[in-house]
Structures are given as C-alpha cells and as structure tokens.
Amino acid sequence: MQTIRIGHSPDPTTRSCSTRSPQARVRIPGVRIEHVLEDIETLNRRSREAELEVTAVSFATYLLIADRYRMMDPGASMGKGYGPILVAREPVPPAELEQRVTAIAGKHTTSALLLRLYVGDRPSSRLRSTRSAGGAGRTGRPGLLIHEGQITYQTMGLTKVLDWARRGTRTPGCRCRSGATSCAATSATICTAPSRRPCGTPSLAHAHVDEALEYAMRYGRGIDKETCRRFVLMYVNDFTLALGPEGRAAVERLFTMAHQNGAIPTVPPIDPI
C-alpha cells in the first residue's frame, strides 16, 4: 500500500474539494491518502523541501519547485475578474505604498509576488492569511488578503486600497484578468503513474455543490453559510476542474511578468498534467 500525502490549507475553498469530504468517492487502488492541513505559506515551504507527494502551492512558489514537481491541470484556485486585495484602516495614496510595511500571507505567495511587481522589494511583515485583515485593523498597516477577508473586510472597518483585478499595475499593459492564487502540484514519482493521481474529487465537488458546501462550512472561520458559498464559488470553478487555455494563459502572463521584472531568472514550462 503506497501512501500519498496531500497538502492543502484548511479554508472553505480547498476543503470543499477535499477527498475527505462526504461527497468524495474517489478510490485509488493500492493507495492510502494522508491529508496534511497547513496554511499556504507552510505548504510553500514544505514543497521547496519536496516533503509531500501532492500539494497545493502558490503559483509564485511553483516557480521555485518546477524542477521537482509538475503542475496538475485540476485543483487550481483562480478567480476571473477578482484576486488579492490590499486593505487598511484608511485610504493609502499609491505613492506611499513603497514606504508602508504591509501584512502579507507569506513571502512566497502569489499575492506577495503581485505586490512586489507593483511596488518592488519592500519591508513586509509575515502574517498568516487568516489574520491579515485583523493585523491591518490592529496595527494600521495595510494587509494583503487572499482568503474570505476579500469579501468581509468592510465588516472589520477596513477599506480597500488596491485591487489587482480592477486596475492595471505600473507594468505597462498589465491587468489581472484571472487571479492566479494556487495550483496543485505532484512529485515526479507520482506523475509517472497517472492512474494513481487523486484528480477526481474536484469534479465530484463541482457536481454536488450543496453537499460540498455543508462540509466546507466546518472550516469557514466564523463566516455564515451564504458568505461561505459566495467565497467558495469565487475560486472553485471551471479553472478548478482544469486550467484550460485561458487558465494556462493567465499563469503564463504572471510568470512572464515576473521574469520581465527580474523576480525570476527563467519561465518554467507550463505543461500541466
């Protein structure tokens, strides 16, 4: 019996697609699935050490592990027309962002990469993504949101400072049509055996939305069911079933931007399996 450890974060979007959810009926002969629940930045770190056979990673981190992992076609968390947002207790003029310390979910998250592309390398404070909004509210520093805080920040008395999906960045022609947040990646050992890749659960979750949402609510961090539904359906969508040409194009654009801005030396192949 082979054990495959699958790393994913304990938030509603990933849990709604989890192979442990009630609607998940995928079985892989000869394989025991072990779930590893960590925040996304911890999973990013563990992927750099190649600790897990299959894991969710930020697209920004995939740039660092493409020699050890292969991007998977199913399992992406992408939103069309929305993505990371920067919030604060009060409006912050764009010209001041370069001097502000910002709360981020992690140095190697996609949102942090987008922030770097906008203002360059700058001081930052690592906060877990579940606390970015609270951190911004308590300290007065801007906070970069990648989870349900994107739609609940106003209830915390915070205001939106920057929305990458709504405006272009300082890079000419840059506009985020799809918010590329994270993807699923599988190690070289697992991707050589396609019949053993745990790829069926997003399809089941997509076909049984209400059942999946009931399970996801356990990980909603205090949000109500309607907010949970809205948040889950923002990022569990057709891109989750398969990146497709549009999803791959969005990832390629992100990687190309990072390369043009000197954030990465080369653009890795975008050939999900």
C-alpha atoms as a PDB file:
ATOM      1  CA  MET A   1       0.000   0.000   0.000  1.00  0.00           C
ATOM      2  CA  GLN A   2       1.522   3.301  -1.107  1.00  0.00           C
ATOM      3  CA  THR A   3       0.880   6.404   0.992  1.00  0.00           C
ATOM      4  CA  ILE A   4       0.327   9.694  -0.812  1.00  0.00           C
ATOM      5  CA  ARG A   5       0.401  12.776   1.392  1.00  0.00           C
ATOM      6  CA  ILE A   6      -1.769  15.587   0.050  1.00  0.00           C
ATOM      7  CA  GLY A   7      -1.107  19.041   1.424  1.00  0.00           C
ATOM      8  CA  HIS A   8      -3.886  21.622   1.418  1.00  0.00           C
ATOM      9  CA  SER A   9      -4.929  24.577   3.538  1.00  0.00           C
ATOM     10  CA  PRO A  10      -7.863  24.433   5.986  1.00  0.00           C
ATOM     11  CA  ASP A  11     -10.066  27.009   4.273  1.00  0.00           C
ATOM     12  CA  PRO A  12     -13.506  26.537   2.683  1.00  0.00           C
ATOM     13  CA  THR A  13     -12.344  26.510  -0.943  1.00  0.00           C
ATOM     14  CA  THR A  14      -9.850  23.695  -0.570  1.00  0.00           C
ATOM     15  CA  ARG A  15     -11.952  21.745   1.919  1.00  0.00           C
ATOM     16  CA  SER A  16     -14.941  21.787  -0.446  1.00  0.00           C
ATOM     17  CA  CYS A  17     -12.782  19.777  -2.881  1.00  0.00           C
ATOM     18  CA  SER A  18     -11.098  17.604  -0.271  1.00  0.00           C
ATOM     19  CA  THR A  19     -11.001  13.855  -0.715  1.00  0.00           C
ATOM     20  CA  ARG A  20     -12.190  13.579   2.897  1.00  0.00           C
ATOM     21  CA  SER A  21     -15.444  15.428   2.245  1.00  0.00           C
ATOM     22  CA  PRO A  22     -18.678  13.403   2.283  1.00  0.00           C
ATOM     23  CA  GLN A  23     -19.254  13.713  -1.459  1.00  0.00           C
ATOM     24  CA  ALA A  24     -15.752  12.498  -2.340  1.00  0.00           C
ATOM     25  CA  ARG A  25     -15.997   8.904  -3.503  1.00  0.00           C
ATOM     26  CA  VAL A  26     -12.728   8.585  -5.401  1.00  0.00           C
ATOM     27  CA  ARG A  27     -10.737   5.497  -4.540  1.00  0.00           C
ATOM     28  CA  ILE A  28      -7.255   4.736  -5.840  1.00  0.00           C
ATOM     29  CA  PRO A  29      -6.329   1.043  -5.738  1.00  0.00           C
ATOM     30  CA  GLY A  30      -3.215   0.349  -3.701  1.00  0.00           C
ATOM     31  CA  VAL A  31      -3.005   3.892  -2.358  1.00  0.00           C
ATOM     32  CA  ARG A  32      -3.698   5.310   1.098  1.00  0.00           C
ATOM     33  CA  ILE A  33      -4.385   9.055   1.153  1.00  0.00           C
ATOM     34  CA  GLU A  34      -2.992  11.068   4.082  1.00  0.00           C
ATOM     35  CA  HIS A  35      -4.186  14.664   4.425  1.00  0.00           C
ATOM     36  CA  VAL A  36      -1.797  17.352   5.621  1.00  0.00           C
ATOM     37  CA  LEU A  37      -3.541  20.581   6.643  1.00  0.00           C
ATOM     38  CA  GLU A  38      -1.260  23.634   6.757  1.00  0.00           C
ATOM     39  CA  ASP A  39      -1.524  27.301   5.841  1.00  0.00           C
ATOM     40  CA  ILE A  40      -0.427  28.017   2.279  1.00  0.00           C
ATOM     41  CA  GLU A  41       2.944  29.526   3.194  1.00  0.00           C
ATOM     42  CA  THR A  42       3.849  26.436   5.245  1.00  0.00           C
ATOM     43  CA  LEU A  43       2.898  24.271   2.250  1.00  0.00           C
ATOM     44  CA  ASN A  44       5.042  26.530   0.061  1.00  0.00           C
ATOM     45  CA  ARG A  45       7.984  25.944   2.393  1.00  0.00           C
ATOM     46  CA  ARG A  46       7.425  22.187   2.549  1.00  0.00           C
ATOM     47  CA  SER A  47       7.204  21.968  -1.229  1.00  0.00           C
ATOM     48  CA  ARG A  48      10.625  23.598  -1.507  1.00  0.00           C
ATOM     49  CA  GLU A  49      11.920  20.689   0.554  1.00  0.00           C
ATOM     50  CA  ALA A  50       9.914  18.204  -1.574  1.00  0.00           C
ATOM     51  CA  GLU A  51       8.301  16.789   1.579  1.00  0.00           C
ATOM     52  CA  LEU A  52       4.862  15.958   0.133  1.00  0.00           C
ATOM     53  CA  GLU A  53       3.854  13.803  -2.817  1.00  0.00           C
ATOM     54  CA  VAL A  54       0.962  16.102  -3.813  1.00  0.00           C
ATOM     55  CA  THR A  55       0.394  19.597  -2.505  1.00  0.00           C
ATOM     56  CA  ALA A  56      -1.288  22.904  -3.036  1.00  0.00           C
ATOM     57  CA  VAL A  57       1.288  25.602  -3.674  1.00  0.00           C
ATOM     58  CA  SER A  58       1.154  29.243  -4.663  1.00  0.00           C
ATOM     59  CA  PHE A  59       1.813  29.824  -8.335  1.00  0.00           C
ATOM     60  CA  ALA A  60       4.663  32.065  -7.178  1.00  0.00           C
ATOM     61  CA  THR A  61       6.233  29.118  -5.341  1.00  0.00           C
ATOM     62  CA  TYR A  62       5.806  26.796  -8.317  1.00  0.00           C
ATOM     63  CA  LEU A  63       8.468  28.919  -9.989  1.00  0.00           C
ATOM     64  CA  LEU A  64      10.902  27.605  -7.354  1.00  0.00           C
ATOM     65  CA  ILE A  65       9.936  23.921  -7.453  1.00  0.00           C
ATOM     66  CA  ALA A  66       9.243  23.231 -11.131  1.00  0.00           C
ATOM     67  CA  ASP A  67      12.340  21.008 -11.258  1.00  0.00           C
ATOM     68  CA  ARG A  68      10.858  18.690  -8.596  1.00  0.00           C
ATOM     69  CA  TYR A  69       7.094  18.979  -9.066  1.00  0.00           C
ATOM     70  CA  ARG A  70       4.728  19.018 -12.011  1.00  0.00           C
ATOM     71  CA  MET A  71       1.731  21.345 -12.108  1.00  0.00           C
ATOM     72  CA  MET A  72      -1.583  19.491 -12.201  1.00  0.00           C
ATOM     73  CA  ASP A  73      -4.399  20.515 -14.521  1.00  0.00           C
ATOM     74  CA  PRO A  74      -7.155  20.040 -11.898  1.00  0.00           C
ATOM     75  CA  GLY A  75      -7.075  21.683  -8.488  1.00  0.00           C
ATOM     76  CA  ALA A  76      -6.233  25.319  -9.257  1.00  0.00           C
ATOM     77  CA  SER A  77      -7.661  28.193  -7.234  1.00  0.00           C
ATOM     78  CA  MET A  78      -8.235  31.032  -9.694  1.00  0.00           C
ATOM     79  CA  GLY A  79     -10.812  33.760  -9.931  1.00  0.00           C
ATOM     80  CA  LYS A  80     -11.844  35.546 -13.102  1.00  0.00           C
ATOM     81  CA  GLY A  81     -12.236  39.279 -12.507  1.00  0.00           C
ATOM     82  CA  TYR A  82     -11.058  39.210  -8.889  1.00  0.00           C
ATOM     83  CA  GLY A  83      -7.969  38.359  -6.928  1.00  0.00           C
ATOM     84  CA  PRO A  84      -5.861  39.583  -3.991  1.00  0.00           C
ATOM     85  CA  ILE A  85      -6.770  42.941  -2.476  1.00  0.00           C
ATOM     86  CA  LEU A  86      -4.865  45.334  -0.236  1.00  0.00           C
ATOM     87  CA  VAL A  87      -6.835  46.825   2.683  1.00  0.00           C
ATOM     88  CA  ALA A  88      -6.149  49.262   5.511  1.00  0.00           C
ATOM     89  CA  ARG A  89      -7.991  51.192   8.203  1.00  0.00           C
ATOM     90  CA  GLU A  90      -7.982  54.276   5.992  1.00  0.00           C
ATOM     91  CA  PRO A  91      -7.140  55.076   2.355  1.00  0.00           C
ATOM     92  CA  VAL A  92      -3.456  54.987   1.447  1.00  0.00           C
ATOM     93  CA  PRO A  93      -2.205  57.029  -1.541  1.00  0.00           C
ATOM     94  CA  PRO A  94      -0.494  54.718  -4.077  1.00  0.00           C
ATOM     95  CA  ALA A  95       2.664  56.820  -3.895  1.00  0.00           C
ATOM     96  CA  GLU A  96       3.023  55.926  -0.199  1.00  0.00           C
ATOM     97  CA  LEU A  97       2.778  52.164  -0.625  1.00  0.00           C
ATOM     98  CA  GLU A  98       6.505  51.774  -1.238  1.00  0.00           C
ATOM     99  CA  GLN A  99       7.226  53.148   2.248  1.00  0.00           C
ATOM    100  CA  ARG A 100       4.499  51.242   4.099  1.00  0.00           C
ATOM    101  CA  VAL A 101       5.097  47.960   5.914  1.00  0.00           C
ATOM    102  CA  THR A 102       2.435  45.542   4.694  1.00  0.00           C
ATOM    103  CA  ALA A 103       0.996  42.448   6.345  1.00  0.00           C
ATOM    104  CA  ILE A 104       1.263  39.524   3.923  1.00  0.00           C
ATOM    105  CA  ALA A 105       0.220  35.892   3.997  1.00  0.00           C
ATOM    106  CA  GLY A 106       3.745  34.758   3.203  1.00  0.00           C
ATOM    107  CA  LYS A 107       6.794  35.789   1.221  1.00  0.00           C
ATOM    108  CA  HIS A 108       6.247  33.174  -1.488  1.00  0.00           C
ATOM    109  CA  THR A 109       2.500  33.591  -2.020  1.00  0.00           C
ATOM    110  CA  THR A 110       1.196  34.788  -5.376  1.00  0.00           C
ATOM    111  CA  SER A 111      -0.292  37.881  -3.754  1.00  0.00           C
ATOM    112  CA  ALA A 112       3.125  38.819  -2.378  1.00  0.00           C
ATOM    113  CA  LEU A 113       4.624  38.401  -5.855  1.00  0.00           C
ATOM    114  CA  LEU A 114       1.981  40.722  -7.309  1.00  0.00           C
ATOM    115  CA  LEU A 115       2.759  43.253  -4.585  1.00  0.00           C
ATOM    116  CA  ARG A 116       6.453  43.082  -5.472  1.00  0.00           C
ATOM    117  CA  LEU A 117       5.665  43.613  -9.138  1.00  0.00           C
ATOM    118  CA  TYR A 118       3.669  46.710  -8.188  1.00  0.00           C
ATOM    119  CA  VAL A 119       5.979  48.415  -5.693  1.00  0.00           C
ATOM    120  CA  GLY A 120       9.230  46.452  -5.871  1.00  0.00           C
ATOM    121  CA  ASP A 121      11.051  44.844  -2.939  1.00  0.00           C
ATOM    122  CA  ARG A 122       9.950  46.433   0.284  1.00  0.00           C
ATOM    123  CA  PRO A 123       9.575  45.900   4.028  1.00  0.00           C
ATOM    124  CA  SER A 124       6.891  43.379   4.903  1.00  0.00           C
ATOM    125  CA  SER A 125       5.586  41.522   7.911  1.00  0.00           C
ATOM    126  CA  ARG A 126       4.653  37.855   7.564  1.00  0.00           C
ATOM    127  CA  LEU A 127       1.207  37.138   8.942  1.00  0.00           C
ATOM    128  CA  ARG A 128      -0.876  34.064   8.315  1.00  0.00           C
ATOM    129  CA  SER A 129      -3.511  34.694   5.696  1.00  0.00           C
ATOM    130  CA  THR A 130      -6.308  34.156   8.242  1.00  0.00           C
ATOM    131  CA  ARG A 131      -5.050  37.139  10.239  1.00  0.00           C
ATOM    132  CA  SER A 132      -4.021  39.621   7.565  1.00  0.00           C
ATOM    133  CA  ALA A 133      -7.212  41.656   7.878  1.00  0.00           C
ATOM    134  CA  GLY A 134      -7.041  41.659  11.668  1.00  0.00           C
ATOM    135  CA  GLY A 135      -3.389  42.611  11.527  1.00  0.00           C
ATOM    136  CA  ALA A 136      -4.167  45.561   9.305  1.00  0.00           C
ATOM    137  CA  GLY A 137      -7.000  46.624  11.597  1.00  0.00           C
ATOM    138  CA  ARG A 138      -4.982  46.391  14.808  1.00  0.00           C
ATOM    139  CA  THR A 139      -1.753  47.968  13.645  1.00  0.00           C
ATOM    140  CA  GLY A 140      -2.928  50.376  10.979  1.00  0.00           C
ATOM    141  CA  ARG A 141      -0.621  48.838   8.386  1.00  0.00           C
ATOM    142  CA  PRO A 142      -2.064  47.677   5.071  1.00  0.00           C
ATOM    143  CA  GLY A 143      -2.931  43.972   4.822  1.00  0.00           C
ATOM    144  CA  LEU A 144      -2.869  41.783   1.715  1.00  0.00           C
ATOM    145  CA  LEU A 145      -5.905  39.480   1.639  1.00  0.00           C
ATOM    146  CA  ILE A 146      -6.155  36.189  -0.232  1.00  0.00           C
ATOM    147  CA  HIS A 147      -8.971  34.366   1.605  1.00  0.00           C
ATOM    148  CA  GLU A 148     -12.530  35.174   2.692  1.00  0.00           C
ATOM    149  CA  GLY A 149     -11.372  38.530   4.072  1.00  0.00           C
ATOM    150  CA  GLN A 150     -11.674  39.681   0.472  1.00  0.00           C
ATOM    151  CA  ILE A 151     -15.445  39.869   0.928  1.00  0.00           C
ATOM    152  CA  THR A 152     -15.692  40.506   4.696  1.00  0.00           C
ATOM    153  CA  TYR A 153     -13.069  43.248   5.190  1.00  0.00           C
ATOM    154  CA  GLN A 154     -15.695  46.013   5.375  1.00  0.00           C
ATOM    155  CA  THR A 155     -17.288  44.419   8.443  1.00  0.00           C
ATOM    156  CA  MET A 156     -13.923  44.910  10.172  1.00  0.00           C
ATOM    157  CA  GLY A 157     -13.949  48.614   9.438  1.00  0.00           C
ATOM    158  CA  LEU A 158     -11.307  48.324   6.719  1.00  0.00           C
ATOM    159  CA  THR A 159     -11.174  49.979   3.331  1.00  0.00           C
ATOM    160  CA  LYS A 160      -9.846  48.691   0.010  1.00  0.00           C
ATOM    161  CA  VAL A 161      -6.550  50.269  -1.008  1.00  0.00           C
ATOM    162  CA  LEU A 162      -5.672  48.267  -4.099  1.00  0.00           C
ATOM    163  CA  ASP A 163      -7.449  45.605  -6.152  1.00  0.00           C
ATOM    164  CA  TRP A 164      -5.244  43.918  -8.747  1.00  0.00           C
ATOM    165  CA  ALA A 165      -8.201  42.641 -10.734  1.00  0.00           C
ATOM    166  CA  ARG A 166      -9.790  46.090 -11.051  1.00  0.00           C
ATOM    167  CA  ARG A 167      -6.840  48.196 -12.139  1.00  0.00           C
ATOM    168  CA  GLY A 168      -3.576  47.880 -14.030  1.00  0.00           C
ATOM    169  CA  THR A 169      -0.216  47.877 -12.282  1.00  0.00           C
ATOM    170  CA  ARG A 170       2.795  50.000 -13.105  1.00  0.00           C
ATOM    171  CA  THR A 171       3.885  47.358 -15.590  1.00  0.00           C
ATOM    172  CA  PRO A 172       2.593  48.601 -18.981  1.00  0.00           C
ATOM    173  CA  GLY A 173      -0.372  46.611 -20.203  1.00  0.00           C
ATOM    174  CA  CYS A 174      -0.589  44.525 -17.023  1.00  0.00           C
ATOM    175  CA  ARG A 175      -4.119  43.716 -15.927  1.00  0.00           C
ATOM    176  CA  CYS A 176      -5.066  40.638 -13.940  1.00  0.00           C
ATOM    177  CA  ARG A 177      -7.947  39.010 -15.798  1.00  0.00           C
ATOM    178  CA  SER A 178      -7.641  35.920 -13.638  1.00  0.00           C
ATOM    179  CA  GLY A 179      -6.486  35.924 -10.043  1.00  0.00           C
ATOM    180  CA  ALA A 180      -3.934  33.118 -10.104  1.00  0.00           C
ATOM    181  CA  THR A 181      -3.671  32.087  -6.475  1.00  0.00           C
ATOM    182  CA  SER A 182      -2.579  28.470  -6.144  1.00  0.00           C
ATOM    183  CA  CYS A 183      -2.306  25.231  -8.042  1.00  0.00           C
ATOM    184  CA  ALA A 184      -1.978  21.563  -7.254  1.00  0.00           C
ATOM    185  CA  ALA A 185       1.428  20.026  -7.859  1.00  0.00           C
ATOM    186  CA  THR A 186       2.535  16.421  -7.862  1.00  0.00           C
ATOM    187  CA  SER A 187       6.013  14.997  -7.386  1.00  0.00           C
ATOM    188  CA  ALA A 188       7.859  13.342 -10.260  1.00  0.00           C
ATOM    189  CA  THR A 189       7.284   9.901  -8.718  1.00  0.00           C
ATOM    190  CA  ILE A 190       3.511  10.267  -8.626  1.00  0.00           C
ATOM    191  CA  CYS A 191       3.123  11.910 -12.021  1.00  0.00           C
ATOM    192  CA  THR A 192       4.706   8.893 -13.692  1.00  0.00           C
ATOM    193  CA  ALA A 193       1.686   6.864 -12.611  1.00  0.00           C
ATOM    194  CA  PRO A 194      -1.356   8.781 -13.940  1.00  0.00           C
ATOM    195  CA  SER A 195      -3.806   6.140 -12.741  1.00  0.00           C
ATOM    196  CA  ARG A 196      -2.779   6.935  -9.171  1.00  0.00           C
ATOM    197  CA  ARG A 197      -3.176  10.702  -9.298  1.00  0.00           C
ATOM    198  CA  PRO A 198      -6.025  11.849  -6.976  1.00  0.00           C
ATOM    199  CA  CYS A 199      -7.679  14.122  -9.547  1.00  0.00           C
ATOM    200  CA  GLY A 200     -11.343  13.141  -9.380  1.00  0.00           C
ATOM    201  CA  THR A 201     -12.576  14.961  -6.300  1.00  0.00           C
ATOM    202  CA  PRO A 202     -12.902  18.494  -7.763  1.00  0.00           C
ATOM    203  CA  SER A 203     -15.327  17.083 -10.341  1.00  0.00           C
ATOM    204  CA  LEU A 204     -17.405  15.409  -7.636  1.00  0.00           C
ATOM    205  CA  ALA A 205     -17.456  18.572  -5.523  1.00  0.00           C
ATOM    206  CA  HIS A 206     -18.467  20.598  -8.559  1.00  0.00           C
ATOM    207  CA  ALA A 207     -21.346  18.216  -9.224  1.00  0.00           C
ATOM    208  CA  HIS A 208     -22.515  18.202  -5.570  1.00  0.00           C
ATOM    209  CA  VAL A 209     -22.172  21.858  -4.572  1.00  0.00           C
ATOM    210  CA  ASP A 210     -24.591  21.895  -1.623  1.00  0.00           C
ATOM    211  CA  GLU A 211     -23.085  18.775  -0.078  1.00  0.00           C
ATOM    212  CA  ALA A 212     -19.574  20.119  -0.541  1.00  0.00           C
ATOM    213  CA  LEU A 213     -20.536  23.476   0.998  1.00  0.00           C
ATOM    214  CA  GLU A 214     -22.007  21.808   4.077  1.00  0.00           C
ATOM    215  CA  TYR A 215     -18.636  20.161   4.635  1.00  0.00           C
ATOM    216  CA  ALA A 216     -16.687  23.338   3.826  1.00  0.00           C
ATOM    217  CA  MET A 217     -18.664  25.284   6.459  1.00  0.00           C
ATOM    218  CA  ARG A 218     -16.703  23.451   9.170  1.00  0.00           C
ATOM    219  CA  TYR A 219     -13.667  25.422   8.015  1.00  0.00           C
ATOM    220  CA  GLY A 220     -15.399  28.763   7.419  1.00  0.00           C
ATOM    221  CA  ARG A 221     -13.679  30.573  10.313  1.00  0.00           C
ATOM    222  CA  GLY A 222     -16.913  32.042  11.617  1.00  0.00           C
ATOM    223  CA  ILE A 223     -18.458  33.167   8.321  1.00  0.00           C
ATOM    224  CA  ASP A 224     -22.126  32.483   7.582  1.00  0.00           C
ATOM    225  CA  LYS A 225     -23.277  29.959   5.012  1.00  0.00           C
ATOM    226  CA  GLU A 226     -24.093  32.491   2.288  1.00  0.00           C
ATOM    227  CA  THR A 227     -20.679  34.157   2.652  1.00  0.00           C
ATOM    228  CA  CYS A 228     -19.066  30.721   2.558  1.00  0.00           C
ATOM    229  CA  ARG A 229     -20.990  29.839  -0.620  1.00  0.00           C
ATOM    230  CA  ARG A 230     -20.005  33.114  -2.274  1.00  0.00           C
ATOM    231  CA  PHE A 231     -16.352  32.699  -1.353  1.00  0.00           C
ATOM    232  CA  VAL A 232     -16.131  29.037  -2.380  1.00  0.00           C
ATOM    233  CA  LEU A 233     -17.768  29.641  -5.750  1.00  0.00           C
ATOM    234  CA  MET A 234     -15.345  32.509  -6.422  1.00  0.00           C
ATOM    235  CA  TYR A 235     -12.419  30.111  -6.511  1.00  0.00           C
ATOM    236  CA  VAL A 236     -13.908  26.639  -7.020  1.00  0.00           C
ATOM    237  CA  ASN A 237     -14.964  26.903 -10.633  1.00  0.00           C
ATOM    238  CA  ASP A 238     -14.142  25.658 -14.127  1.00  0.00           C
ATOM    239  CA  PHE A 239     -10.472  26.546 -13.570  1.00  0.00           C
ATOM    240  CA  THR A 240     -10.511  24.062 -10.666  1.00  0.00           C
ATOM    241  CA  LEU A 241     -11.686  21.266 -12.956  1.00  0.00           C
ATOM    242  CA  ALA A 242      -8.987  22.110 -15.498  1.00  0.00           C
ATOM    243  CA  LEU A 243      -6.854  25.164 -16.174  1.00  0.00           C
ATOM    244  CA  GLY A 244      -7.727  25.100 -19.849  1.00  0.00           C
ATOM    245  CA  PRO A 245      -6.295  27.534 -22.424  1.00  0.00           C
ATOM    246  CA  GLU A 246      -7.469  30.631 -20.519  1.00  0.00           C
ATOM    247  CA  GLY A 247      -6.058  29.467 -17.205  1.00  0.00           C
ATOM    248  CA  ARG A 248      -2.731  28.488 -18.736  1.00  0.00           C
ATOM    249  CA  ALA A 249      -2.567  31.867 -20.493  1.00  0.00           C
ATOM    250  CA  ALA A 250      -3.122  33.664 -17.170  1.00  0.00           C
ATOM    251  CA  VAL A 251      -0.360  31.645 -15.500  1.00  0.00           C
ATOM    252  CA  GLU A 252       1.980  32.264 -18.425  1.00  0.00           C
ATOM    253  CA  ARG A 253       1.317  36.004 -18.198  1.00  0.00           C
ATOM    254  CA  LEU A 254       2.054  36.022 -14.463  1.00  0.00           C
ATOM    255  CA  PHE A 255       5.300  34.102 -14.962  1.00  0.00           C
ATOM    256  CA  THR A 256       6.327  36.315 -17.879  1.00  0.00           C
ATOM    257  CA  MET A 257       5.683  39.457 -15.812  1.00  0.00           C
ATOM    258  CA  ALA A 258       7.810  38.051 -13.004  1.00  0.00           C
ATOM    259  CA  HIS A 259      10.610  37.309 -15.461  1.00  0.00           C
ATOM    260  CA  GLN A 260      10.439  40.729 -17.103  1.00  0.00           C
ATOM    261  CA  ASN A 261      10.634  42.388 -13.699  1.00  0.00           C
ATOM    262  CA  GLY A 262      13.670  40.354 -12.663  1.00  0.00           C
ATOM    263  CA  ALA A 263      11.840  38.360  -9.990  1.00  0.00           C
ATOM    264  CA  ILE A 264      12.775  35.022 -11.627  1.00  0.00           C
ATOM    265  CA  PRO A 265      15.645  34.106 -13.996  1.00  0.00           C
ATOM    266  CA  THR A 266      13.589  31.953 -16.372  1.00  0.00           C
ATOM    267  CA  VAL A 267       9.971  30.999 -17.051  1.00  0.00           C
ATOM    268  CA  PRO A 268       9.362  27.275 -16.368  1.00  0.00           C
ATOM    269  CA  PRO A 269       7.358  25.165 -18.832  1.00  0.00           C
ATOM    270  CA  ILE A 270       3.616  25.447 -18.359  1.00  0.00           C
ATOM    271  CA  ASP A 271       2.551  21.902 -19.181  1.00  0.00           C
ATOM    272  CA  PRO A 272       0.099  20.721 -16.513  1.00  0.00           C
ATOM    273  CA  ILE A 273      -0.832  17.041 -16.355  1.00  0.00           C
END
